[in-house]
Amino acid sequence: MANKRQAGKRAKQAVKRQARNSTVKTATKSAVKKAFEAVQTKDLGKAKEAYMMAIKALSKAASKGSIPKARASRKIGRLTALAKKMLPDALPTKK
């Protein structure tokens, strides 16, 4: 155990953060995996929804600090490139 009160508190905080980050990472990985599978099966409706959920999960995880911003950006870019290649009509267009 920690020798000082502050070190004990930091240890407790680390455990809390680790638990929160692991749930966020797991949910993000699942969303990304579902999106890749949906795009590869070429199901337009399912791919659109899965793509948007994956982008949202990655952005939220990056903003909360669970994953690095650069990693989220890279994964979003790769997913977008695959979606454009496999299903050009699947991505929502910006106006």
C-alpha atoms as a PDB file:
ATOM      1  CA  MET A   1       0.000   0.000   0.000  1.00  0.00           C
ATOM      2  CA  ALA A   2       0.977   3.617  -0.335  1.00  0.00           C
ATOM      3  CA  ASN A   3       3.115   5.246   2.337  1.00  0.00           C
ATOM      4  CA  LYS A   4       1.442   8.649   2.188  1.00  0.00           C
ATOM      5  CA  ARG A   5      -2.160   9.752   2.071  1.00  0.00           C
ATOM      6  CA  GLN A   6      -1.716  11.522  -1.266  1.00  0.00           C
ATOM      7  CA  ALA A   7      -0.163   8.429  -2.857  1.00  0.00           C
ATOM      8  CA  GLY A   8      -3.100   6.346  -1.644  1.00  0.00           C
ATOM      9  CA  LYS A   9      -5.562   8.771  -3.178  1.00  0.00           C
ATOM     10  CA  ARG A  10      -3.661   8.766  -6.492  1.00  0.00           C
ATOM     11  CA  ALA A  11      -3.719   4.953  -6.502  1.00  0.00           C
ATOM     12  CA  LYS A  12      -7.503   4.959  -6.017  1.00  0.00           C
ATOM     13  CA  GLN A  13      -7.915   7.512  -8.807  1.00  0.00           C
ATOM     14  CA  ALA A  14      -5.749   5.412 -11.119  1.00  0.00           C
ATOM     15  CA  VAL A  15      -7.938   2.369 -10.529  1.00  0.00           C
ATOM     16  CA  LYS A  16     -11.085   4.404 -11.282  1.00  0.00           C
ATOM     17  CA  ARG A  17      -9.603   5.862 -14.463  1.00  0.00           C
ATOM     18  CA  GLN A  18      -8.390   2.471 -15.613  1.00  0.00           C
ATOM     19  CA  ALA A  19     -11.868   0.989 -15.209  1.00  0.00           C
ATOM     20  CA  ARG A  20     -13.497   3.879 -17.081  1.00  0.00           C
ATOM     21  CA  ASN A  21     -10.930   3.838 -19.881  1.00  0.00           C
ATOM     22  CA  SER A  22     -11.194   0.078 -20.382  1.00  0.00           C
ATOM     23  CA  THR A  23     -14.985   0.233 -20.815  1.00  0.00           C
ATOM     24  CA  VAL A  24     -14.686   3.137 -23.251  1.00  0.00           C
ATOM     25  CA  LYS A  25     -11.953   1.367 -25.231  1.00  0.00           C
ATOM     26  CA  THR A  26     -13.955  -1.861 -25.404  1.00  0.00           C
ATOM     27  CA  ALA A  27     -17.075  -0.074 -26.626  1.00  0.00           C
ATOM     28  CA  THR A  28     -15.042   1.867 -29.189  1.00  0.00           C
ATOM     29  CA  LYS A  29     -13.333  -1.252 -30.513  1.00  0.00           C
ATOM     30  CA  SER A  30     -16.697  -3.003 -30.838  1.00  0.00           C
ATOM     31  CA  ALA A  31     -18.225  -0.067 -32.725  1.00  0.00           C
ATOM     32  CA  VAL A  32     -15.279   0.130 -35.122  1.00  0.00           C
ATOM     33  CA  LYS A  33     -15.321  -3.615 -35.729  1.00  0.00           C
ATOM     34  CA  LYS A  34     -19.067  -3.567 -36.460  1.00  0.00           C
ATOM     35  CA  ALA A  35     -18.575  -0.660 -38.864  1.00  0.00           C
ATOM     36  CA  PHE A  36     -15.786  -2.427 -40.781  1.00  0.00           C
ATOM     37  CA  GLU A  37     -17.896  -5.587 -41.037  1.00  0.00           C
ATOM     38  CA  ALA A  38     -20.991  -3.668 -42.148  1.00  0.00           C
ATOM     39  CA  VAL A  39     -19.060  -1.820 -44.846  1.00  0.00           C
ATOM     40  CA  GLN A  40     -17.449  -5.019 -46.102  1.00  0.00           C
ATOM     41  CA  THR A  41     -20.805  -6.804 -46.360  1.00  0.00           C
ATOM     42  CA  LYS A  42     -22.022  -3.859 -48.474  1.00  0.00           C
ATOM     43  CA  ASP A  43     -25.310  -3.467 -46.614  1.00  0.00           C
ATOM     44  CA  LEU A  44     -26.046   0.208 -47.221  1.00  0.00           C
ATOM     45  CA  GLY A  45     -28.449   0.958 -44.357  1.00  0.00           C
ATOM     46  CA  LYS A  46     -26.524  -1.020 -41.784  1.00  0.00           C
ATOM     47  CA  ALA A  47     -23.215   0.456 -42.965  1.00  0.00           C
ATOM     48  CA  LYS A  48     -24.429   4.054 -42.626  1.00  0.00           C
ATOM     49  CA  GLU A  49     -25.606   3.557 -39.076  1.00  0.00           C
ATOM     50  CA  ALA A  50     -22.543   1.565 -38.000  1.00  0.00           C
ATOM     51  CA  TYR A  51     -20.226   4.125 -39.616  1.00  0.00           C
ATOM     52  CA  MET A  52     -21.818   7.032 -37.758  1.00  0.00           C
ATOM     53  CA  MET A  53     -21.757   5.143 -34.437  1.00  0.00           C
ATOM     54  CA  ALA A  54     -18.065   4.287 -34.895  1.00  0.00           C
ATOM     55  CA  ILE A  55     -17.138   7.892 -35.707  1.00  0.00           C
ATOM     56  CA  LYS A  56     -19.068   9.108 -32.667  1.00  0.00           C
ATOM     57  CA  ALA A  57     -17.456   6.530 -30.376  1.00  0.00           C
ATOM     58  CA  LEU A  58     -13.936   7.322 -31.608  1.00  0.00           C
ATOM     59  CA  SER A  59     -14.428  11.083 -31.310  1.00  0.00           C
ATOM     60  CA  LYS A  60     -15.865  10.802 -27.830  1.00  0.00           C
ATOM     61  CA  ALA A  61     -13.082   8.480 -26.635  1.00  0.00           C
ATOM     62  CA  ALA A  62     -10.464  10.887 -27.991  1.00  0.00           C
ATOM     63  CA  SER A  63     -12.085  13.924 -26.416  1.00  0.00           C
ATOM     64  CA  LYS A  64     -12.264  12.202 -23.021  1.00  0.00           C
ATOM     65  CA  GLY A  65      -8.615  11.158 -23.234  1.00  0.00           C
ATOM     66  CA  SER A  66      -9.213   7.403 -23.280  1.00  0.00           C
ATOM     67  CA  ILE A  67      -7.348   7.112 -26.580  1.00  0.00           C
ATOM     68  CA  PRO A  68      -4.944   9.552 -28.247  1.00  0.00           C
ATOM     69  CA  LYS A  69      -6.502  12.047 -30.667  1.00  0.00           C
ATOM     70  CA  ALA A  70      -4.126  10.994 -33.453  1.00  0.00           C
ATOM     71  CA  ARG A  71      -5.173   7.345 -33.148  1.00  0.00           C
ATOM     72  CA  ALA A  72      -8.849   8.267 -33.349  1.00  0.00           C
ATOM     73  CA  SER A  73      -8.194  10.455 -36.379  1.00  0.00           C
ATOM     74  CA  ARG A  74      -6.236   7.687 -38.104  1.00  0.00           C
ATOM     75  CA  LYS A  75      -8.970   5.109 -37.491  1.00  0.00           C
ATOM     76  CA  ILE A  76     -11.672   7.506 -38.683  1.00  0.00           C
ATOM     77  CA  GLY A  77      -9.682   8.209 -41.851  1.00  0.00           C
ATOM     78  CA  ARG A  78      -9.134   4.536 -42.609  1.00  0.00           C
ATOM     79  CA  LEU A  79     -12.770   3.696 -41.997  1.00  0.00           C
ATOM     80  CA  THR A  80     -13.889   6.582 -44.211  1.00  0.00           C
ATOM     81  CA  ALA A  81     -11.523   5.536 -47.006  1.00  0.00           C
ATOM     82  CA  LEU A  82     -12.828   1.965 -46.895  1.00  0.00           C
ATOM     83  CA  ALA A  83     -16.445   3.145 -46.844  1.00  0.00           C
ATOM     84  CA  LYS A  84     -15.870   5.428 -49.848  1.00  0.00           C
ATOM     85  CA  LYS A  85     -14.177   2.597 -51.726  1.00  0.00           C
ATOM     86  CA  MET A  86     -16.760  -0.104 -50.974  1.00  0.00           C
ATOM     87  CA  LEU A  87     -19.958   1.981 -50.769  1.00  0.00           C
ATOM     88  CA  PRO A  88     -19.675   5.437 -52.333  1.00  0.00           C
ATOM     89  CA  ASP A  89     -23.304   6.213 -51.446  1.00  0.00           C
ATOM     90  CA  ALA A  90     -23.013   5.138 -47.797  1.00  0.00           C
ATOM     91  CA  LEU A  91     -21.397   8.258 -46.415  1.00  0.00           C
ATOM     92  CA  PRO A  92     -23.479  11.280 -45.520  1.00  0.00           C
ATOM     93  CA  THR A  93     -22.595  14.326 -47.558  1.00  0.00           C
ATOM     94  CA  LYS A  94     -21.806  17.688 -46.006  1.00  0.00           C
ATOM     95  CA  LYS A  95     -23.709  20.687 -47.296  1.00  0.00           C
END
